[in-house]
Protein backbone atom coordinates (compact mmCIF):
# COMPACT_ATOMS: atom_id res chain seq x y z
CA UNK A 1 -59.46 -58.58 5.61
CA UNK A 2 -59.49 -54.79 5.32
CA UNK A 3 -59.33 -53.29 1.86
CA UNK A 4 -56.10 -51.69 0.65
CA UNK A 5 -56.48 -48.08 -0.37
CA UNK A 6 -53.96 -46.22 -2.56
CA UNK A 7 -53.16 -43.62 0.10
CA UNK A 8 -52.72 -46.15 2.93
CA UNK A 9 -50.74 -49.08 1.65
CA UNK A 10 -50.38 -52.17 3.81
CA UNK A 11 -47.35 -54.21 4.63
CA UNK A 12 -47.17 -57.99 4.82
CA UNK A 13 -49.11 -59.16 7.86
CA UNK A 14 -51.79 -56.50 7.51
CA UNK A 15 -49.89 -53.70 9.21
CA UNK A 16 -50.26 -50.37 7.53
CA UNK A 17 -47.19 -48.16 6.96
CA UNK A 18 -48.51 -45.33 9.12
CA UNK A 19 -49.47 -47.71 11.97
CA UNK A 20 -45.86 -48.62 12.81
CA UNK A 21 -44.72 -47.66 16.31
CA UNK A 22 -42.83 -44.42 16.87
CA UNK A 23 -39.77 -44.29 19.11
CA UNK A 24 -40.61 -41.47 21.51
CA UNK A 25 -37.21 -41.64 23.21
CA UNK A 26 -35.26 -40.82 20.03
CA UNK A 27 -34.28 -37.14 20.03
CA UNK A 28 -35.56 -34.98 17.25
CA UNK A 29 -32.96 -33.94 14.68
CA UNK A 30 -32.63 -30.19 14.44
CA UNK A 31 -31.17 -28.20 11.60
CA UNK A 32 -28.86 -25.47 12.91
CA UNK A 33 -29.97 -21.97 12.08
CA UNK A 34 -27.63 -19.95 9.88
CA UNK A 35 -25.27 -17.58 11.63
CA UNK A 36 -25.99 -13.99 10.75
CA UNK A 37 -23.84 -11.74 12.87
CA UNK A 38 -21.92 -13.92 15.25
CA UNK A 39 -22.90 -14.84 18.78
CA UNK A 40 -21.98 -12.36 21.50
CA UNK A 41 -20.39 -15.22 23.39
CA UNK A 42 -17.89 -15.72 20.56
CA UNK A 43 -16.85 -12.08 20.45
CA UNK A 44 -13.61 -10.88 21.98
CA UNK A 45 -13.30 -7.73 24.09
CA UNK A 46 -12.20 -4.80 21.96
CA UNK A 47 -8.98 -4.04 23.94
CA UNK A 48 -7.88 -7.66 23.79
CA UNK A 49 -8.62 -8.01 20.07
CA UNK A 50 -6.88 -4.72 19.24
CA UNK A 51 -3.83 -5.56 21.37
CA UNK A 52 -3.37 -8.99 19.83
CA UNK A 53 -3.91 -7.77 16.26
CA UNK A 54 -1.60 -4.75 16.65
CA UNK A 55 1.06 -6.87 18.33
CA UNK A 56 0.98 -9.45 15.56
CA UNK A 57 1.19 -6.72 12.91
CA UNK A 58 4.19 -5.22 14.70
CA UNK A 59 5.94 -8.58 15.03
CA UNK A 60 5.46 -9.62 11.41
CA UNK A 61 6.79 -6.28 10.16
CA UNK A 62 9.69 -6.20 12.63
CA UNK A 63 11.09 -9.69 12.04
CA UNK A 64 12.21 -9.06 8.41
CA UNK A 65 14.12 -5.97 9.59
CA UNK A 66 15.84 -7.97 12.32
CA UNK A 67 16.82 -10.71 9.87
CA UNK A 68 18.22 -8.31 7.27
CA UNK A 69 20.19 -6.21 9.76
CA UNK A 70 21.37 -9.40 11.43
CA UNK A 71 22.89 -10.47 8.11
CA UNK A 72 24.52 -7.06 7.67
CA UNK A 73 26.12 -7.17 11.13
CA UNK A 74 27.03 -10.85 10.96
CA UNK A 75 30.55 -10.17 9.81
CA UNK A 76 31.35 -7.51 12.40
CA UNK A 77 33.11 -8.51 15.61
CA UNK A 78 31.29 -6.00 17.81
CA UNK A 79 27.80 -7.20 16.88
CA UNK A 80 25.75 -8.77 19.65
CA UNK A 81 22.21 -10.06 19.72
CA UNK A 82 21.06 -7.16 21.88
CA UNK A 83 22.64 -4.52 19.64
CA UNK A 84 21.23 -6.19 16.52
CA UNK A 85 17.71 -6.27 17.92
CA UNK A 86 17.98 -2.64 19.04
CA UNK A 87 19.27 -1.58 15.62
CA UNK A 88 16.38 -3.46 14.03
CA UNK A 89 13.98 -1.52 16.26
CA UNK A 90 15.52 1.71 14.98
CA UNK A 91 15.07 0.55 11.39
CA UNK A 92 11.50 -0.46 12.18
CA UNK A 93 10.74 3.01 13.53
CA UNK A 94 12.35 4.55 10.46
CA UNK A 95 10.13 2.46 8.20
CA UNK A 96 7.08 4.02 9.83
CA UNK A 97 8.34 7.55 9.20
CA UNK A 98 9.84 8.24 12.63
CA UNK A 99 13.15 10.12 12.15
CA UNK A 100 16.22 9.01 14.08
CA UNK A 101 18.77 11.33 15.67
CA UNK A 102 22.33 10.11 15.19
CA UNK A 103 25.77 11.57 15.76
CA UNK A 104 25.99 12.58 12.09
CA UNK A 105 22.58 14.25 12.07
CA UNK A 106 18.93 13.29 11.51
CA UNK A 107 18.12 10.15 9.57
CA UNK A 108 14.69 10.25 7.97
CA UNK A 109 14.84 8.33 4.67
CA UNK A 110 12.26 5.61 5.22
CA UNK A 111 12.51 2.29 3.34
CA UNK A 112 9.15 2.20 1.62
CA UNK A 113 9.18 -1.59 1.21
CA UNK A 114 9.01 -1.87 4.99
CA UNK A 115 6.36 0.84 5.07
CA UNK A 116 4.17 -1.07 2.61
CA UNK A 117 4.60 -4.28 4.62
CA UNK A 118 3.59 -2.54 7.85
CA UNK A 119 0.56 -0.92 6.21
CA UNK A 120 -0.59 -4.26 4.83
CA UNK A 121 -0.31 -5.96 8.21
CA UNK A 122 -2.19 -3.09 9.88
CA UNK A 123 -4.93 -3.38 7.27
CA UNK A 124 -5.29 -7.03 8.18
CA UNK A 125 -5.37 -6.03 11.85
CA UNK A 126 -8.38 -3.83 11.15
CA UNK A 127 -10.07 -6.79 9.46
CA UNK A 128 -9.39 -9.15 12.36
CA UNK A 129 -10.55 -6.72 15.05
CA UNK A 130 -13.76 -5.97 13.16
CA UNK A 131 -14.50 -9.66 12.91
CA UNK A 132 -13.66 -10.22 16.58
CA UNK A 133 -16.20 -7.64 17.78
CA UNK A 134 -18.92 -8.93 15.44
CA UNK A 135 -18.93 -5.97 13.05
CA UNK A 136 -18.61 -7.94 9.82
CA UNK A 137 -21.06 -6.81 7.09
CA UNK A 138 -22.85 -4.48 9.52
CA UNK A 139 -22.33 -1.37 7.36
CA UNK A 140 -21.69 0.58 10.55
CA UNK A 141 -19.16 3.43 10.19
CA UNK A 142 -19.11 3.83 13.95
CA UNK A 143 -17.98 0.26 14.56
CA UNK A 144 -15.37 0.53 11.79
CA UNK A 145 -13.96 3.67 13.38
CA UNK A 146 -14.04 2.00 16.79
CA UNK A 147 -12.03 -0.98 15.58
CA UNK A 148 -9.53 1.21 13.71
CA UNK A 149 -9.09 3.58 16.65
CA UNK A 150 -8.45 0.69 19.03
CA UNK A 151 -5.75 -0.68 16.71
CA UNK A 152 -4.21 2.79 16.43
CA UNK A 153 -4.02 3.21 20.22
CA UNK A 154 -2.44 -0.22 20.71
CA UNK A 155 0.03 0.42 17.89
CA UNK A 156 0.93 3.83 19.35
CA UNK A 157 1.86 2.16 22.65
CA UNK A 158 4.11 -0.26 20.79
CA UNK A 159 5.77 2.59 18.89
CA UNK A 160 6.42 4.52 22.10
CA UNK A 161 7.90 1.40 23.71
CA UNK A 162 10.19 0.87 20.70
CA UNK A 163 11.38 4.50 20.92
CA UNK A 164 12.20 4.05 24.61
CA UNK A 165 14.18 0.88 23.95
CA UNK A 166 16.07 2.41 21.03
CA UNK A 167 17.00 5.50 23.02
CA UNK A 168 18.90 3.51 25.65
CA UNK A 169 21.87 3.04 23.32
CA UNK A 170 22.62 4.17 19.77
CA UNK A 171 20.31 6.38 17.69
CA UNK A 172 17.67 8.37 19.53
CA UNK A 173 13.99 8.71 18.63
CA UNK A 174 11.35 10.99 20.12
CA UNK A 175 8.85 8.99 22.14
CA UNK A 176 6.07 11.53 21.52
CA UNK A 177 6.79 11.61 17.79
CA UNK A 178 6.83 7.82 17.64
CA UNK A 179 3.54 7.49 19.52
CA UNK A 180 1.81 10.11 17.37
CA UNK A 181 3.12 8.68 14.10
CA UNK A 182 2.21 5.12 15.00
CA UNK A 183 -1.25 6.23 16.12
CA UNK A 184 -1.97 7.96 12.81
CA UNK A 185 -0.47 5.22 10.64
CA UNK A 186 -2.14 2.45 12.63
CA UNK A 187 -5.57 4.08 12.66
CA UNK A 188 -5.63 4.98 8.95
CA UNK A 189 -4.32 1.62 7.77
CA UNK A 190 -6.65 -0.33 10.06
CA UNK A 191 -9.56 1.83 8.92
CA UNK A 192 -9.03 0.60 5.35
CA UNK A 193 -9.43 -2.99 6.44
CA UNK A 194 -12.26 -2.23 8.86
CA UNK A 195 -14.36 -0.36 6.30
CA UNK A 196 -13.90 -3.17 3.81
CA UNK A 197 -14.91 -6.03 6.13
CA UNK A 198 -17.84 -4.08 7.60
CA UNK A 199 -19.11 -3.28 4.06
CA UNK A 200 -18.83 0.46 4.73
CA UNK A 201 -16.72 0.81 1.60
CA UNK A 202 -19.49 -0.73 -0.48
CA UNK A 203 -21.99 1.61 1.16
CA UNK A 204 -19.87 4.66 0.33
CA UNK A 205 -19.32 3.54 -3.25
CA UNK A 206 -23.03 3.04 -3.87
CA UNK A 207 -23.86 6.49 -2.48
CA UNK A 208 -21.08 8.24 -4.39
CA UNK A 209 -22.04 10.04 -7.64
CA UNK A 210 -21.08 8.12 -10.75
CA UNK A 211 -18.66 10.72 -12.20
CA UNK A 212 -16.82 11.03 -8.89
CA UNK A 213 -16.53 7.25 -8.57
CA UNK A 214 -15.24 6.93 -12.14
CA UNK A 215 -12.84 9.83 -11.65
CA UNK A 216 -11.29 8.30 -8.53
CA UNK A 217 -10.89 4.94 -10.22
CA UNK A 218 -9.32 6.49 -13.33
CA UNK A 219 -6.93 8.65 -11.30
CA UNK A 220 -5.75 5.69 -9.26
CA UNK A 221 -5.19 3.67 -12.43
CA UNK A 222 -3.18 6.48 -14.01
CA UNK A 223 -1.09 7.02 -10.89
CA UNK A 224 -0.32 3.32 -10.53
CA UNK A 225 0.58 3.08 -14.21
CA UNK A 226 3.03 5.92 -13.82
CA UNK A 227 4.54 4.37 -10.69
CA UNK A 228 4.88 1.10 -12.57
CA UNK A 229 6.66 2.91 -15.39
CA UNK A 230 8.96 4.49 -12.82
CA UNK A 231 9.72 1.10 -11.30
CA UNK A 232 10.55 -0.29 -14.73
CA UNK A 233 12.79 2.66 -15.52
CA UNK A 234 14.61 2.41 -12.19
CA UNK A 235 15.12 -1.32 -12.61
CA UNK A 236 16.48 -0.84 -16.13
CA UNK A 237 18.85 1.89 -14.94
CA UNK A 238 20.22 -0.27 -12.11
CA UNK A 239 20.58 -3.23 -14.48
CA UNK A 240 22.48 -1.05 -16.95
CA UNK A 241 24.84 0.04 -14.20
CA UNK A 242 25.01 -3.44 -12.72
CA UNK A 243 28.81 -3.50 -12.86
CA UNK A 244 29.11 -0.41 -10.68
CA UNK A 245 26.51 -1.79 -8.27
CA UNK A 246 28.42 -5.07 -7.95
CA UNK A 247 31.67 -3.18 -7.28
CA UNK A 248 29.95 -1.15 -4.55
CA UNK A 249 28.63 -4.29 -2.87
CA UNK A 250 32.02 -5.99 -3.13
CA UNK A 251 33.68 -3.00 -1.47
CA UNK A 252 31.95 -3.90 1.80
CA UNK A 253 34.22 -6.35 3.60
CA UNK A 254 31.43 -8.08 5.46
CA UNK A 255 31.50 -11.53 3.89
CA UNK A 256 28.83 -13.19 1.83
CA UNK A 257 26.14 -12.85 4.50
CA UNK A 258 26.88 -9.18 5.02
CA UNK A 259 26.81 -8.46 1.28
CA UNK A 260 23.49 -10.31 1.02
CA UNK A 261 22.16 -8.12 3.82
CA UNK A 262 23.33 -4.96 2.04
CA UNK A 263 21.59 -6.16 -1.11
CA UNK A 264 18.36 -6.69 0.84
CA UNK A 265 18.65 -3.20 2.34
CA UNK A 266 18.87 -1.85 -1.22
CA UNK A 267 15.78 -3.86 -2.14
CA UNK A 268 13.97 -2.27 0.80
CA UNK A 269 14.61 1.12 -0.79
CA UNK A 270 13.56 -0.04 -4.28
CA UNK A 271 10.06 1.54 -3.97
CA UNK A 272 11.77 4.85 -3.15
CA UNK A 273 13.72 4.56 -6.38
CA UNK A 274 10.49 3.81 -8.28
CA UNK A 275 8.88 7.01 -6.94
CA UNK A 276 12.01 9.03 -7.74
CA UNK A 277 12.02 7.62 -11.27
CA UNK A 278 8.36 8.60 -11.71
CA UNK A 279 9.24 12.11 -10.51
CA UNK A 280 12.07 12.14 -13.05
CA UNK A 281 9.68 11.19 -15.85
CA UNK A 282 7.21 13.89 -14.80
CA UNK A 283 9.85 16.62 -14.89
CA UNK A 284 10.47 17.90 -11.34
CA UNK A 285 13.03 15.18 -10.71
CA UNK A 286 14.68 14.65 -7.34
CA UNK A 287 17.73 15.60 -5.31
CA UNK A 288 20.53 13.48 -3.89
CA UNK A 289 21.91 16.21 -1.67
CA UNK A 290 21.70 19.94 -1.19
CA UNK A 291 22.15 22.02 -4.35
CA UNK A 292 21.80 18.92 -6.56
CA UNK A 293 19.21 18.04 -9.18
CA UNK A 294 18.41 14.98 -11.27
CA UNK A 295 16.00 15.94 -14.05
CA UNK A 296 15.50 15.08 -17.68
CA UNK A 297 16.94 18.50 -18.57
CA UNK A 298 19.70 18.64 -15.95
CA UNK A 299 21.85 16.27 -13.88
CA UNK A 300 23.96 17.97 -11.24
CA UNK A 301 25.34 15.72 -8.50
CA UNK A 302 28.51 15.65 -6.49
CA UNK A 303 30.22 12.90 -4.54
CA UNK A 304 27.76 10.18 -3.59
CA UNK A 305 27.91 7.43 -0.97
CA UNK A 306 28.72 3.91 -2.16
CA UNK A 307 25.11 2.75 -2.25
CA UNK A 308 24.25 0.16 -4.95
CA UNK A 309 20.88 1.78 -5.61
CA UNK A 310 22.57 5.00 -6.74
CA UNK A 311 24.49 3.18 -9.47
CA UNK A 312 21.59 3.75 -11.86
CA UNK A 313 21.62 7.56 -11.72
CA UNK A 314 21.63 9.17 -15.18
CA UNK A 315 24.91 10.67 -16.35
CA UNK A 316 23.40 13.71 -18.01
CA UNK A 317 20.25 15.23 -19.55
CA UNK A 318 18.25 13.14 -21.98
CA UNK A 319 18.76 13.65 -25.70
CA UNK A 320 17.85 11.90 -28.92
CA UNK A 321 15.43 9.03 -28.45
CA UNK A 322 15.67 9.51 -24.71
CA UNK A 323 13.35 12.51 -25.08
CA UNK A 324 10.53 10.03 -25.71
CA UNK A 325 10.54 9.41 -21.97
CA UNK A 326 8.77 12.73 -21.55
CA UNK A 327 5.68 11.22 -23.20
CA UNK A 328 5.35 8.39 -20.65
CA UNK A 329 3.22 10.36 -18.12
CA UNK A 330 0.86 11.55 -20.87
CA UNK A 331 0.58 7.99 -22.18
CA UNK A 332 -0.27 6.76 -18.69
CA UNK A 333 -3.12 9.28 -18.53
CA UNK A 334 -4.30 8.35 -22.03
CA UNK A 335 -4.41 4.65 -21.16
CA UNK A 336 -6.45 5.45 -18.04
CA UNK A 337 -8.83 7.58 -20.15
CA UNK A 338 -9.14 4.80 -22.70
CA UNK A 339 -10.05 2.32 -19.97
CA UNK A 340 -12.60 4.81 -18.62
CA UNK A 341 -14.32 5.17 -21.98
CA UNK A 342 -14.34 1.41 -22.58
CA UNK A 343 -15.79 0.73 -19.14
CA UNK A 344 -18.56 3.32 -19.64
CA UNK A 345 -19.37 1.89 -23.06
CA UNK A 346 -19.81 -1.60 -21.61
CA UNK A 347 -22.45 -0.38 -19.14
CA UNK A 348 -25.15 -0.32 -21.82
CA UNK A 349 -26.43 1.72 -24.73
CA UNK A 350 -28.00 4.31 -22.47
CA UNK A 351 -24.60 5.09 -20.92
CA UNK A 352 -22.71 4.77 -24.20
CA UNK A 353 -24.82 7.55 -25.69
CA UNK A 354 -24.29 9.82 -22.72
CA UNK A 355 -23.40 13.49 -22.99
CA UNK A 356 -19.78 14.51 -23.40
CA UNK A 357 -19.68 16.12 -19.97
CA UNK A 358 -20.60 12.87 -18.27
CA UNK A 359 -17.49 11.28 -19.77
CA UNK A 360 -15.04 14.17 -19.59
CA UNK A 361 -15.79 15.12 -15.98
CA UNK A 362 -14.36 11.83 -14.59
CA UNK A 363 -11.37 12.18 -16.91
CA UNK A 364 -10.70 15.67 -15.57
CA UNK A 365 -11.11 14.49 -11.96
CA UNK A 366 -8.48 11.81 -12.60
CA UNK A 367 -5.79 14.51 -12.63
CA UNK A 368 -6.20 15.70 -9.02
CA UNK A 369 -6.60 12.12 -7.78
CA UNK A 370 -3.37 11.02 -9.44
CA UNK A 371 -1.69 14.23 -8.29
CA UNK A 372 -2.55 13.54 -4.65
CA UNK A 373 -1.37 9.94 -4.93
CA UNK A 374 1.95 10.80 -6.56
CA UNK A 375 2.50 13.88 -4.41
CA UNK A 376 2.09 11.92 -1.19
CA UNK A 377 4.30 9.13 -2.51
CA UNK A 378 7.00 11.65 -3.42
CA UNK A 379 6.78 13.34 -0.02
CA UNK A 380 7.19 10.12 1.97
CA UNK A 381 9.90 8.72 -0.30
CA UNK A 382 12.48 11.35 0.65
CA UNK A 383 14.23 12.44 3.80
CA UNK A 384 17.59 13.46 5.23
CA UNK A 385 20.61 11.16 5.50
CA UNK A 386 22.49 13.30 8.00
CA UNK A 387 23.30 16.93 8.63
CA UNK A 388 25.81 17.26 5.77
CA UNK A 389 25.18 17.65 2.09
CA UNK A 390 22.82 14.67 2.15
CA UNK A 391 20.34 16.55 4.32
CA UNK A 392 18.02 16.79 1.30
CA UNK A 393 17.33 13.57 -0.58
CA UNK A 394 14.31 12.81 -2.76
CA UNK A 395 11.71 14.79 -4.71
CA UNK A 396 9.58 17.71 -3.58
CA UNK A 397 6.06 16.44 -2.98
CA UNK A 398 4.02 19.48 -3.97
CA UNK A 399 5.93 19.94 -7.23
CA UNK A 400 5.37 16.33 -8.26
CA UNK A 401 1.69 16.53 -7.28
CA UNK A 402 1.08 19.74 -9.24
CA UNK A 403 2.75 18.50 -12.43
CA UNK A 404 1.05 15.10 -12.18
CA UNK A 405 -2.35 16.76 -11.80
CA UNK A 406 -1.96 18.70 -15.03
CA UNK A 407 -0.30 15.96 -17.09
CA UNK A 408 -2.66 13.14 -16.07
CA UNK A 409 -5.74 15.32 -16.56
CA UNK A 410 -4.67 16.22 -20.10
CA UNK A 411 -3.77 12.63 -20.93
CA UNK A 412 -7.02 11.21 -19.52
CA UNK A 413 -9.11 13.77 -21.40
CA UNK A 414 -7.33 12.98 -24.67
CA UNK A 415 -7.63 9.23 -24.17
CA UNK A 416 -11.32 9.30 -23.21
CA UNK A 417 -12.31 11.70 -26.00
CA UNK A 418 -10.36 9.85 -28.67
CA UNK A 419 -11.79 6.50 -27.62
CA UNK A 420 -15.38 7.77 -27.72
CA UNK A 421 -14.91 9.36 -31.15
CA UNK A 422 -13.23 6.32 -32.68
CA UNK A 423 -15.62 3.74 -31.23
CA UNK A 424 -18.88 5.64 -31.65
CA UNK A 425 -21.39 3.72 -33.73
CA UNK A 426 -22.19 5.33 -37.10
CA UNK A 427 -25.55 7.03 -37.46
CA UNK A 428 -28.27 4.90 -39.11
């Protein structure tokens, strides 16, 4: 009997554990290797991926317009499915900033709710196309631009097709203008999603100087705070004049479905009202027709169309406690400066004890960033409503941008400086 050693134990019957037969026919079990960049076989051709993504973005942003306008035209006897779909195409073009030519003049007041929806879907299209061509996490600006450009070209073709279909009957739209606008909007929006999914955004942020990065973040925060304040003010004004708004909606003899559609159309223009309210708080105000002005110091309007959203217009200049509204933009900048100083202080003692310039430079840069954001928002929120006295509706973009730059810069500097002084540790 053979001895049993500790490293070679035996089993009953004298058979050692490592002497048992091995099944040579059994296949070896393999562990799949992790996927790093996607197999080329699983990638889709760029034109196919861009066409599918752009088409889906167009469909998902067009269907809400068709449903809303279908409700509006439900009570009319002359409404047909073809005319409703064509009218929805016109509204879809208008939401992308393509002006329409009607019998009463140009129509260029875009519903910004539809614009935001289209931009979001195009951003997702850039993400999907980048994934389809295997560009995820590659940090390749070239591939991000390639995906965004392909989406823009496909979206431009869809915009040109929509302009052709709309022009057959009803309002007219320029095919060249539609193609160019859709190409720019589609490329820029898709580029946002493409740079994010390819990690190009992270690459740019890491290479950006700290003060510039902090200034951009602070300016965006201040601008969004001011837009939020404008949205709250617009909502409060419409709620205060809710009786007039209800009377305007009831004046439309379109039935319950038609009145619901008119309400949804007003909701589509709610972001426009938020931008106009922010412009009102800043000082430049906005117009609701030629030779009209709605400012904190002056309200001069004439006869207005029966639109529920206009029921919240102020009756006159602010006075008394209403003058406190003028401090809202400065407060928005101060809050953004306060957040900047708190964020810098949390980065560590070495950053908390930084020089004043390293804190005040981002606060000063927040002004131009917020000015660009609010100026662009003001410019795209207005447009003509015909060739008559409503040919000028909305704020003036450069005026809003200039005032916002100065006000937000002052507020951010005050907020950042005050926070650093009040929270600075006492000397030992």
